[in-house]
C-alpha atoms as a PDB file:
ATOM      1  CA  MET A   1      16.142   4.586  34.018  1.00  0.00           C
ATOM      2  CA  GLU A   2      15.091   1.069  33.124  1.00  0.00           C
ATOM      3  CA  LEU A   3      15.716   0.211  29.471  1.00  0.00           C
ATOM      4  CA  GLU A   4      12.761  -0.617  27.290  1.00  0.00           C
ATOM      5  CA  LEU A   5      13.336  -3.687  25.076  1.00  0.00           C
ATOM      6  CA  TRP A   6      11.609  -4.634  21.825  1.00  0.00           C
ATOM      7  CA  ILE A   7      11.117  -8.359  21.445  1.00  0.00           C
ATOM      8  CA  LEU A   8      10.963  -9.364  17.779  1.00  0.00           C
ATOM      9  CA  PHE A   9      10.750 -12.839  16.306  1.00  0.00           C
ATOM     10  CA  LYS A  10      12.737 -14.087  13.331  1.00  0.00           C
ATOM     11  CA  GLY A  11      12.238 -17.754  12.493  1.00  0.00           C
ATOM     12  CA  GLY A  12      10.942 -18.345  16.024  1.00  0.00           C
ATOM     13  CA  ILE A  13      14.071 -16.806  17.613  1.00  0.00           C
ATOM     14  CA  PRO A  14      13.518 -13.748  19.845  1.00  0.00           C
ATOM     15  CA  ILE A  15      15.611 -10.696  18.991  1.00  0.00           C
ATOM     16  CA  LEU A  16      16.067  -8.022  21.669  1.00  0.00           C
ATOM     17  CA  ILE A  17      16.652  -4.456  20.505  1.00  0.00           C
ATOM     18  CA  SER A  18      17.520  -1.942  23.216  1.00  0.00           C
ATOM     19  CA  PRO A  19      16.526   1.725  22.849  1.00  0.00           C
ATOM     20  CA  ASP A  20      19.918   3.068  21.842  1.00  0.00           C
ATOM     21  CA  HIS A  21      20.882   4.461  18.467  1.00  0.00           C
ATOM     22  CA  ARG A  22      21.243   1.577  16.037  1.00  0.00           C
ATOM     23  CA  ARG A  23      21.940   2.088  12.350  1.00  0.00           C
ATOM     24  CA  TYR A  24      22.680  -0.252   9.481  1.00  0.00           C
ATOM     25  CA  LEU A  25      24.174   1.036   6.243  1.00  0.00           C
ATOM     26  CA  MET A  26      22.951  -1.423   3.678  1.00  0.00           C
ATOM     27  CA  THR A  27      24.255  -0.639   0.206  1.00  0.00           C
ATOM     28  CA  SER A  28      25.812   1.939  -2.099  1.00  0.00           C
ATOM     29  CA  ARG A  29      23.712   4.132  -4.358  1.00  0.00           C
ATOM     30  CA  ASP A  30      24.918   2.423  -7.524  1.00  0.00           C
ATOM     31  CA  GLN A  31      23.040  -0.726  -6.451  1.00  0.00           C
ATOM     32  CA  PRO A  32      21.383  -2.301  -9.542  1.00  0.00           C
ATOM     33  CA  LEU A  33      18.281  -3.465  -7.665  1.00  0.00           C
ATOM     34  CA  PRO A  34      15.030  -1.684  -8.627  1.00  0.00           C
ATOM     35  CA  ILE A  35      14.540  -0.740  -4.981  1.00  0.00           C
ATOM     36  CA  TYR A  36      16.946  -1.076  -2.076  1.00  0.00           C
ATOM     37  CA  ILE A  37      17.395   0.051   1.507  1.00  0.00           C
ATOM     38  CA  GLU A  38      20.331   2.441   1.850  1.00  0.00           C
ATOM     39  CA  SER A  39      20.117   2.692   5.631  1.00  0.00           C
ATOM     40  CA  ILE A  40      17.747   1.768   8.429  1.00  0.00           C
ATOM     41  CA  GLY A  41      17.968   2.637  12.074  1.00  0.00           C
ATOM     42  CA  TYR A  42      16.400   3.400  15.422  1.00  0.00           C
ATOM     43  CA  ASN A  43      17.168   6.493  17.477  1.00  0.00           C
ATOM     44  CA  GLY A  44      16.192   6.303  21.139  1.00  0.00           C
ATOM     45  CA  ASN A  45      16.963   9.984  21.698  1.00  0.00           C
ATOM     46  CA  GLN A  46      16.196  11.817  18.474  1.00  0.00           C
ATOM     47  CA  GLU A  47      18.237  14.986  18.066  1.00  0.00           C
ATOM     48  CA  SER A  48      17.357  18.037  15.965  1.00  0.00           C
ATOM     49  CA  VAL A  49      18.071  17.691  12.250  1.00  0.00           C
ATOM     50  CA  SER A  50      18.165  20.369   9.553  1.00  0.00           C
ATOM     51  CA  ARG A  51      18.653  19.545   5.871  1.00  0.00           C
ATOM     52  CA  PRO A  52      18.136  22.674   3.706  1.00  0.00           C
ATOM     53  CA  ALA A  53      18.936  20.636   0.581  1.00  0.00           C
ATOM     54  CA  GLY A  54      17.106  17.518   1.708  1.00  0.00           C
ATOM     55  CA  TYR A  55      18.490  13.978   1.629  1.00  0.00           C
ATOM     56  CA  PRO A  56      19.706  12.391  -1.639  1.00  0.00           C
ATOM     57  CA  CYS A  57      17.523   9.268  -1.185  1.00  0.00           C
ATOM     58  CA  TYR A  58      13.885   8.700  -0.262  1.00  0.00           C
ATOM     59  CA  HIS A  59      13.552   9.190   3.482  1.00  0.00           C
ATOM     60  CA  TRP A  60      11.022   7.673   5.886  1.00  0.00           C
ATOM     61  CA  LEU A  61      10.830   8.804   9.530  1.00  0.00           C
ATOM     62  CA  GLN A  62       8.271   7.517  12.018  1.00  0.00           C
ATOM     63  CA  THR A  63       7.752   8.124  15.711  1.00  0.00           C
ATOM     64  CA  VAL A  64       8.059   5.129  18.025  1.00  0.00           C
ATOM     65  CA  LYS A  65       7.511   7.092  21.233  1.00  0.00           C
ATOM     66  CA  GLY A  66       6.978  10.746  22.079  1.00  0.00           C
ATOM     67  CA  ALA A  67       6.605  13.404  19.402  1.00  0.00           C
ATOM     68  CA  GLY A  68       8.518  15.884  17.317  1.00  0.00           C
ATOM     69  CA  GLU A  69       7.843  18.824  15.031  1.00  0.00           C
ATOM     70  CA  PHE A  70       8.599  18.168  11.381  1.00  0.00           C
ATOM     71  CA  ARG A  71       8.875  21.058   8.927  1.00  0.00           C
ATOM     72  CA  PHE A  72       8.664  20.512   5.175  1.00  0.00           C
ATOM     73  CA  ALA A  73       7.070  22.101   2.115  1.00  0.00           C
ATOM     74  CA  GLY A  74       6.343  25.309   4.031  1.00  0.00           C
ATOM     75  CA  SER A  75       4.318  23.612   6.769  1.00  0.00           C
ATOM     76  CA  THR A  76       4.913  22.252  10.272  1.00  0.00           C
ATOM     77  CA  VAL A  77       3.277  19.029  11.468  1.00  0.00           C
ATOM     78  CA  LEU A  78       3.396  17.144  14.742  1.00  0.00           C
ATOM     79  CA  LEU A  79       4.948  13.740  14.211  1.00  0.00           C
ATOM     80  CA  GLY A  80       3.454  11.759  17.062  1.00  0.00           C
ATOM     81  CA  GLU A  81       3.002   8.047  17.667  1.00  0.00           C
ATOM     82  CA  THR A  82       1.332   6.017  14.890  1.00  0.00           C
ATOM     83  CA  SER A  83       2.551   8.510  12.311  1.00  0.00           C
ATOM     84  CA  GLY A  84       5.420   8.963   9.899  1.00  0.00           C
ATOM     85  CA  ILE A  85       6.593  11.119   7.014  1.00  0.00           C
ATOM     86  CA  LEU A  86       7.814   9.973   3.612  1.00  0.00           C
ATOM     87  CA  LEU A  87       9.981  12.428   1.684  1.00  0.00           C
ATOM     88  CA  PRO A  88      11.234  12.188  -1.901  1.00  0.00           C
ATOM     89  CA  PRO A  89      14.940  12.858  -2.562  1.00  0.00           C
ATOM     90  CA  ASN A  90      16.244  16.398  -2.039  1.00  0.00           C
ATOM     91  CA  GLU A  91      13.127  17.650  -0.230  1.00  0.00           C
ATOM     92  CA  PRO A  92      14.261  20.389   2.241  1.00  0.00           C
ATOM     93  CA  HIS A  93      13.192  19.599   5.798  1.00  0.00           C
ATOM     94  CA  GLU A  94      14.027  19.847   9.485  1.00  0.00           C
ATOM     95  CA  TYR A  95      12.730  18.288  12.646  1.00  0.00           C
ATOM     96  CA  VAL A  96      13.058  18.835  16.406  1.00  0.00           C
ATOM     97  CA  ARG A  97      11.817  17.150  19.564  1.00  0.00           C
ATOM     98  CA  SER A  98       8.620  18.772  20.800  1.00  0.00           C
ATOM     99  CA  GLN A  99       7.892  17.008  24.048  1.00  0.00           C
ATOM    100  CA  GLY A 100       9.748  14.646  26.389  1.00  0.00           C
ATOM    101  CA  GLU A 101      11.596  11.692  24.946  1.00  0.00           C
ATOM    102  CA  TRP A 102      11.375  11.254  21.183  1.00  0.00           C
ATOM    103  CA  GLN A 103      12.186   7.843  19.772  1.00  0.00           C
ATOM    104  CA  THR A 104      12.215   7.391  16.013  1.00  0.00           C
ATOM    105  CA  LEU A 105      12.756   4.767  13.350  1.00  0.00           C
ATOM    106  CA  TYR A 106      14.046   5.787   9.945  1.00  0.00           C
ATOM    107  CA  ILE A 107      14.654   4.200   6.550  1.00  0.00           C
ATOM    108  CA  THR A 108      16.416   5.714   3.555  1.00  0.00           C
ATOM    109  CA  PHE A 109      16.031   3.943   0.256  1.00  0.00           C
ATOM    110  CA  GLY A 110      16.508   4.310  -3.478  1.00  0.00           C
ATOM    111  CA  GLY A 111      16.724   2.328  -6.687  1.00  0.00           C
ATOM    112  CA  SER A 112      16.266   2.687 -10.425  1.00  0.00           C
ATOM    113  CA  GLN A 113      12.531   1.998 -10.164  1.00  0.00           C
ATOM    114  CA  CYS A 114      11.825   3.960  -6.978  1.00  0.00           C
ATOM    115  CA  PRO A 115      10.210   6.954  -8.748  1.00  0.00           C
ATOM    116  CA  ALA A 116       7.942   4.662 -10.787  1.00  0.00           C
ATOM    117  CA  ILE A 117       7.033   2.495  -7.781  1.00  0.00           C
ATOM    118  CA  THR A 118       6.246   5.376  -5.442  1.00  0.00           C
ATOM    119  CA  GLU A 119       4.297   7.255  -8.127  1.00  0.00           C
ATOM    120  CA  SER A 120       2.224   4.186  -9.018  1.00  0.00           C
ATOM    121  CA  LEU A 121       1.354   3.766  -5.331  1.00  0.00           C
ATOM    122  CA  GLY A 122       0.487   7.454  -4.906  1.00  0.00           C
ATOM    123  CA  LEU A 123       3.451   7.956  -2.571  1.00  0.00           C
ATOM    124  CA  GLY A 124       5.597  10.171  -4.753  1.00  0.00           C
ATOM    125  CA  GLU A 125       5.043  13.453  -2.908  1.00  0.00           C
ATOM    126  CA  ALA A 126       6.116  14.436   0.594  1.00  0.00           C
ATOM    127  CA  ALA A 127       3.305  13.625   3.005  1.00  0.00           C
ATOM    128  CA  LEU A 128       2.402  12.843   6.613  1.00  0.00           C
ATOM    129  CA  HIS A 129       0.924   9.360   7.048  1.00  0.00           C
ATOM    130  CA  GLN A 130      -1.020   8.083  10.037  1.00  0.00           C
ATOM    131  CA  TRP A 131      -2.335   4.626  10.921  1.00  0.00           C
ATOM    132  CA  ASP A 132      -4.248   2.696  13.562  1.00  0.00           C
ATOM    133  CA  SER A 133      -2.249   1.417  16.519  1.00  0.00           C
ATOM    134  CA  GLU A 134      -3.009  -2.208  15.565  1.00  0.00           C
ATOM    135  CA  SER A 135      -1.904  -1.679  11.955  1.00  0.00           C
ATOM    136  CA  PRO A 136       1.025  -3.757  10.594  1.00  0.00           C
ATOM    137  CA  LEU A 137       2.717  -0.425   9.904  1.00  0.00           C
ATOM    138  CA  GLU A 138       3.213   0.041  13.631  1.00  0.00           C
ATOM    139  CA  TYR A 139       5.703  -2.816  13.863  1.00  0.00           C
ATOM    140  CA  TYR A 140       6.902  -3.623  10.347  1.00  0.00           C
ATOM    141  CA  GLY A 141       9.853  -1.229  10.332  1.00  0.00           C
ATOM    142  CA  ARG A 142      11.087  -2.664  13.622  1.00  0.00           C
ATOM    143  CA  GLU A 143      10.721  -6.192  12.283  1.00  0.00           C
ATOM    144  CA  VAL A 144      12.805  -5.267   9.241  1.00  0.00           C
ATOM    145  CA  LEU A 145      15.444  -3.753  11.536  1.00  0.00           C
ATOM    146  CA  GLY A 146      15.464  -6.920  13.624  1.00  0.00           C
ATOM    147  CA  SER A 147      15.726  -9.078  10.511  1.00  0.00           C
ATOM    148  CA  ILE A 148      18.638  -7.085   9.116  1.00  0.00           C
ATOM    149  CA  SER A 149      20.519  -7.181  12.433  1.00  0.00           C
ATOM    150  CA  SER A 150      20.220 -10.983  12.633  1.00  0.00           C
ATOM    151  CA  ASP A 151      20.818 -12.022   8.992  1.00  0.00           C
ATOM    152  CA  GLN A 152      23.621 -11.687   6.490  1.00  0.00           C
ATOM    153  CA  ASP A 153      21.734 -10.489   3.419  1.00  0.00           C
ATOM    154  CA  LEU A 154      24.825  -9.896   1.300  1.00  0.00           C
ATOM    155  CA  SER A 155      22.864  -9.637  -1.953  1.00  0.00           C
ATOM    156  CA  GLY A 156      20.394  -7.123  -0.536  1.00  0.00           C
ATOM    157  CA  LEU A 157      17.504  -9.079  -2.036  1.00  0.00           C
ATOM    158  CA  GLU A 158      15.695  -9.655   1.264  1.00  0.00           C
ATOM    159  CA  ALA A 159      16.004  -5.980   2.181  1.00  0.00           C
ATOM    160  CA  SER A 160      14.708  -5.032  -1.268  1.00  0.00           C
ATOM    161  CA  ALA A 161      11.660  -7.254  -0.763  1.00  0.00           C
ATOM    162  CA  ASP A 162      11.162  -5.807   2.729  1.00  0.00           C
ATOM    163  CA  MET A 163      11.212  -2.254   1.343  1.00  0.00           C
ATOM    164  CA  TYR A 164       8.659  -3.023  -1.346  1.00  0.00           C
ATOM    165  CA  ARG A 165       6.441  -4.725   1.232  1.00  0.00           C
ATOM    166  CA  PHE A 166       6.733  -1.662   3.468  1.00  0.00           C
ATOM    167  CA  LEU A 167       5.537   0.644   0.674  1.00  0.00           C
ATOM    168  CA  ILE A 168       2.585  -1.656   0.004  1.00  0.00           C
ATOM    169  CA  LEU A 169       1.643  -1.570   3.694  1.00  0.00           C
ATOM    170  CA  LEU A 170       1.935   2.218   3.690  1.00  0.00           C
ATOM    171  CA  LYS A 171      -0.364   2.393   0.666  1.00  0.00           C
ATOM    172  CA  LYS A 172      -2.881   0.022   2.252  1.00  0.00           C
ATOM    173  CA  HIS A 173      -2.933   1.178   5.877  1.00  0.00           C
ATOM    174  CA  GLY A 174      -1.667   4.757   5.774  1.00  0.00           C
ATOM    175  CA  MET A 175      -4.043   7.697   6.078  1.00  0.00           C
ATOM    176  CA  THR A 176      -3.222  11.138   4.693  1.00  0.00           C
ATOM    177  CA  GLY A 177      -5.232  14.278   5.379  1.00  0.00           C
ATOM    178  CA  SER A 178      -8.905  13.425   5.878  1.00  0.00           C
ATOM    179  CA  ARG A 179      -8.758  10.287   3.730  1.00  0.00           C
ATOM    180  CA  SER A 180      -9.325   6.943   5.387  1.00  0.00           C
ATOM    181  CA  SER A 181      -6.967   4.065   4.680  1.00  0.00           C
ATOM    182  CA  ILE A 182      -7.549   1.595   1.862  1.00  0.00           C
ATOM    183  CA  SER A 183      -7.904  -1.196   4.429  1.00  0.00           C
ATOM    184  CA  HIS A 184     -10.781   0.716   6.075  1.00  0.00           C
ATOM    185  CA  ALA A 185     -12.428   1.327   2.704  1.00  0.00           C
ATOM    186  CA  VAL A 186     -12.137  -2.326   1.703  1.00  0.00           C
ATOM    187  CA  GLU A 187     -13.654  -3.404   5.030  1.00  0.00           C
ATOM    188  CA  ARG A 188     -16.595  -1.117   4.392  1.00  0.00           C
ATOM    189  CA  LEU A 189     -16.985  -2.430   0.838  1.00  0.00           C
ATOM    190  CA  ALA A 190     -16.772  -6.115   1.816  1.00  0.00           C
ATOM    191  CA  PRO A 191     -20.577  -6.663   2.005  1.00  0.00           C
ATOM    192  CA  LEU A 192     -21.033  -5.069  -1.428  1.00  0.00           C
ATOM    193  CA  ILE A 193     -18.247  -7.135  -2.978  1.00  0.00           C
ATOM    194  CA  SER A 194     -19.910 -10.276  -1.598  1.00  0.00           C
ATOM    195  CA  PHE A 195     -23.201  -9.048  -3.089  1.00  0.00           C
ATOM    196  CA  MET A 196     -21.526  -8.534  -6.471  1.00  0.00           C
ATOM    197  CA  ASN A 197     -20.129 -12.066  -6.404  1.00  0.00           C
ATOM    198  CA  GLU A 198     -23.592 -13.448  -5.708  1.00  0.00           C
ATOM    199  CA  HIS A 199     -25.527 -11.293  -8.207  1.00  0.00           C
ATOM    200  CA  TYR A 200     -23.135 -10.756 -11.124  1.00  0.00           C
ATOM    201  CA  ALA A 201     -25.586 -12.578 -13.429  1.00  0.00           C
ATOM    202  CA  ASP A 202     -28.359 -10.040 -12.788  1.00  0.00           C
ATOM    203  CA  PRO A 203     -28.388  -7.432 -15.598  1.00  0.00           C
ATOM    204  CA  GLU A 204     -30.636  -5.144 -13.529  1.00  0.00           C
ATOM    205  CA  ILE A 205     -27.934  -4.329 -10.963  1.00  0.00           C
ATOM    206  CA  GLY A 206     -26.851  -0.695 -11.277  1.00  0.00           C
ATOM    207  CA  LEU A 207     -25.017   1.913  -9.263  1.00  0.00           C
ATOM    208  CA  GLU A 208     -28.062   2.850  -7.166  1.00  0.00           C
ATOM    209  CA  GLN A 209     -28.597  -0.741  -6.069  1.00  0.00           C
ATOM    210  CA  MET A 210     -24.905  -1.159  -5.269  1.00  0.00           C
ATOM    211  CA  ALA A 211     -24.775   2.034  -3.194  1.00  0.00           C
ATOM    212  CA  ALA A 212     -27.757   0.839  -1.154  1.00  0.00           C
ATOM    213  CA  ILE A 213     -25.766  -2.133   0.224  1.00  0.00           C
ATOM    214  CA  PRO A 214     -23.316  -0.052   2.320  1.00  0.00           C
ATOM    215  CA  GLY A 215     -25.966   2.675   2.666  1.00  0.00           C
ATOM    216  CA  ILE A 216     -24.057   5.527   1.035  1.00  0.00           C
ATOM    217  CA  THR A 217     -24.515   7.766  -1.989  1.00  0.00           C
ATOM    218  CA  PRO A 218     -23.395   6.581  -5.437  1.00  0.00           C
ATOM    219  CA  ARG A 219     -20.811   9.369  -5.468  1.00  0.00           C
ATOM    220  CA  HIS A 220     -19.345   8.285  -2.145  1.00  0.00           C
ATOM    221  CA  LEU A 221     -19.362   4.686  -3.341  1.00  0.00           C
ATOM    222  CA  ASN A 222     -17.290   5.595  -6.385  1.00  0.00           C
ATOM    223  CA  THR A 223     -14.895   7.542  -4.175  1.00  0.00           C
ATOM    224  CA  LEU A 224     -14.322   4.458  -2.004  1.00  0.00           C
ATOM    225  CA  PHE A 225     -13.815   2.228  -5.047  1.00  0.00           C
ATOM    226  CA  LYS A 226     -11.384   4.633  -6.675  1.00  0.00           C
ATOM    227  CA  GLN A 227      -9.445   4.866  -3.447  1.00  0.00           C
ATOM    228  CA  SER A 228      -9.371   1.083  -3.004  1.00  0.00           C
ATOM    229  CA  PHE A 229      -9.160  -0.239  -6.564  1.00  0.00           C
ATOM    230  CA  GLY A 230      -8.443   2.752  -8.786  1.00  0.00           C
ATOM    231  CA  MET A 231     -11.759   2.505 -10.636  1.00  0.00           C
ATOM    232  CA  THR A 232     -15.484   3.177 -10.226  1.00  0.00           C
ATOM    233  CA  ALA A 233     -17.818   0.653  -8.633  1.00  0.00           C
ATOM    234  CA  TYR A 234     -19.454  -0.233 -11.954  1.00  0.00           C
ATOM    235  CA  SER A 235     -16.071  -0.682 -13.664  1.00  0.00           C
ATOM    236  CA  TYR A 236     -15.134  -3.103 -10.890  1.00  0.00           C
ATOM    237  CA  PHE A 237     -18.433  -4.943 -11.437  1.00  0.00           C
ATOM    238  CA  ILE A 238     -17.730  -5.258 -15.171  1.00  0.00           C
ATOM    239  CA  LEU A 239     -14.275  -6.687 -14.473  1.00  0.00           C
ATOM    240  CA  LEU A 240     -15.857  -9.174 -12.099  1.00  0.00           C
ATOM    241  CA  ARG A 241     -18.316 -10.236 -14.798  1.00  0.00           C
ATOM    242  CA  ILE A 242     -15.515 -10.714 -17.325  1.00  0.00           C
ATOM    243  CA  ARG A 243     -13.549 -12.800 -14.822  1.00  0.00           C
ATOM    244  CA  LYS A 244     -16.624 -14.934 -14.176  1.00  0.00           C
ATOM    245  CA  SER A 245     -17.134 -15.343 -17.924  1.00  0.00           C
ATOM    246  CA  LYS A 246     -13.621 -16.784 -18.230  1.00  0.00           C
ATOM    247  CA  GLU A 247     -14.424 -19.242 -15.457  1.00  0.00           C
ATOM    248  CA  TRP A 248     -17.601 -20.301 -17.287  1.00  0.00           C
ATOM    249  CA  MET A 249     -15.859 -20.681 -20.645  1.00  0.00           C
ATOM    250  CA  THR A 250     -12.934 -22.695 -19.319  1.00  0.00           C
ATOM    251  CA  GLY A 251     -15.224 -24.858 -17.210  1.00  0.00           C
ATOM    252  CA  ASN A 252     -17.808 -25.670 -19.910  1.00  0.00           C
ATOM    253  CA  SER A 253     -16.630 -25.879 -23.522  1.00  0.00           C
ATOM    254  CA  LYS A 254     -20.184 -26.355 -24.797  1.00  0.00           C
ATOM    255  CA  LEU A 255     -21.408 -22.907 -23.733  1.00  0.00           C
ATOM    256  CA  THR A 256     -21.971 -20.526 -26.625  1.00  0.00           C
ATOM    257  CA  VAL A 257     -20.835 -16.907 -26.454  1.00  0.00           C
ATOM    258  CA  LYS A 258     -24.466 -15.827 -26.165  1.00  0.00           C
ATOM    259  CA  GLU A 259     -25.104 -18.240 -23.289  1.00  0.00           C
ATOM    260  CA  THR A 260     -21.927 -17.095 -21.520  1.00  0.00           C
ATOM    261  CA  ALA A 261     -22.939 -13.458 -21.895  1.00  0.00           C
ATOM    262  CA  ALA A 262     -26.308 -14.178 -20.280  1.00  0.00           C
ATOM    263  CA  LYS A 263     -24.703 -16.032 -17.376  1.00  0.00           C
ATOM    264  CA  VAL A 264     -22.601 -13.009 -16.443  1.00  0.00           C
ATOM    265  CA  GLY A 265     -25.218 -10.273 -16.703  1.00  0.00           C
ATOM    266  CA  PHE A 266     -24.907  -9.048 -20.312  1.00  0.00           C
ATOM    267  CA  ARG A 267     -28.181  -8.643 -22.157  1.00  0.00           C
ATOM    268  CA  ASP A 268     -26.473  -8.408 -25.532  1.00  0.00           C
ATOM    269  CA  ALA A 269     -23.829 -10.851 -26.812  1.00  0.00           C
ATOM    270  CA  SER A 270     -22.181  -8.258 -29.055  1.00  0.00           C
ATOM    271  CA  HIS A 271     -21.743  -5.913 -26.090  1.00  0.00           C
ATOM    272  CA  PHE A 272     -20.205  -8.781 -24.132  1.00  0.00           C
ATOM    273  CA  VAL A 273     -17.773  -9.582 -26.964  1.00  0.00           C
ATOM    274  CA  ALA A 274     -16.747  -5.926 -27.353  1.00  0.00           C
ATOM    275  CA  THR A 275     -16.242  -5.516 -23.586  1.00  0.00           C
ATOM    276  CA  PHE A 276     -14.307  -8.772 -23.305  1.00  0.00           C
ATOM    277  CA  ARG A 277     -12.008  -7.803 -26.170  1.00  0.00           C
ATOM    278  CA  ARG A 278     -11.397  -4.320 -24.748  1.00  0.00           C
ATOM    279  CA  ILE A 279     -10.363  -5.762 -21.387  1.00  0.00           C
ATOM    280  CA  GLU A 280      -8.616  -8.996 -22.417  1.00  0.00           C
ATOM    281  CA  GLY A 281      -7.251  -8.041 -25.829  1.00  0.00           C
ATOM    282  CA  VAL A 282      -8.860 -11.067 -27.501  1.00  0.00           C
ATOM    283  CA  THR A 283     -12.423 -12.172 -28.254  1.00  0.00           C
ATOM    284  CA  PRO A 284     -14.154 -14.769 -26.043  1.00  0.00           C
ATOM    285  CA  GLU A 285     -13.729 -17.412 -28.776  1.00  0.00           C
ATOM    286  CA  GLN A 286     -10.030 -16.644 -29.134  1.00  0.00           C
ATOM    287  CA  TYR A 287      -9.639 -16.804 -25.363  1.00  0.00           C
ATOM    288  CA  ARG A 288     -11.341 -20.220 -25.267  1.00  0.00           C
ATOM    289  CA  THR A 289      -8.800 -21.647 -27.728  1.00  0.00           C
ATOM    290  CA  LEU A 290      -5.990 -20.729 -25.346  1.00  0.00           C
ATOM    291  CA  TYR A 291      -7.353 -23.283 -22.886  1.00  0.00           C
END
C-alpha cells in the first residue's frame, strides 16, 4: 500500500511525516513550567486501549483518518474525522477501532497551572470536540509534531507555548454538543460589533435595537455574547463605551467629564463616573492624570 505523507512547513522547510507510529516524550512531570507537553505522537494504526484508572496527565486524542469508538464517563461516542476528545487526569476510558484504518494524533500534557488554564477556558471536564474541516484545529497538532521533530527545544518553552496555543484554538474553534464554536458566533456578531463601534455615542441604543442587527431575539443575542465574550451584549457595549471614553480623554485634555460622558452615550455624568470607576478602579479624572 502506498504510504501517505504529510507535508508540513517549518521556517519554509518542508517536513515529511510518514504514517507510522511516531512519539516524542518531551519532559518529566516535575517540570516547573505552568503548562508543558509530556508526550505527543501520531499512530497510523491505532490499537485498542483500556485505562480503567485513566492517564495521570491531561490527554488529547483526535482522529486523523477513519474512526474509533471512545468510551468515557458512562457513554460511548464515535471519534471520527474532525473530532477529538480532551480528558482530565485519571479519567477512566477506553477506545477501539470501529471501521477500517484508524489514524490518530495524541498529546498528553500537564503543568502547575493546567487546572486553572483549562477551567478558565471551559475545558476542564471530559468532552468530545468537533470542528470544521478548514479549522486550524485540523492541522495544528500535526504542525506541532513536525516542529518538535525538527527542533531541539531543550527548555521546553516552545512546546509550552504550542500547548497553550492549542488550547486557545480548541476554545475558539471547537464545538461541543449542540453549541456552535466561538469563531462561528463571532462571525455572526461581526455586523453588530461594527454597529456598536459606529453608534456608541447614541444613548438610545438598547438590547432590542442590537438584536435587530443580526435578526435574532435578545435572549439568543445574549447567549452568543456570553459564549463569545463571557458577558451579555449590553455589558460588552458598556465596556466599549468606557474604552472609547479613555480614547477621548487621552486624545483631548480639554474635554470635561460631562462632555466625555455625552460623547460615549451616557446621559448622566455621575453614572458615567460610577461606571468608569467600577470597571477601571479609578475615576475618569484620576485616569487622565496617568497620561
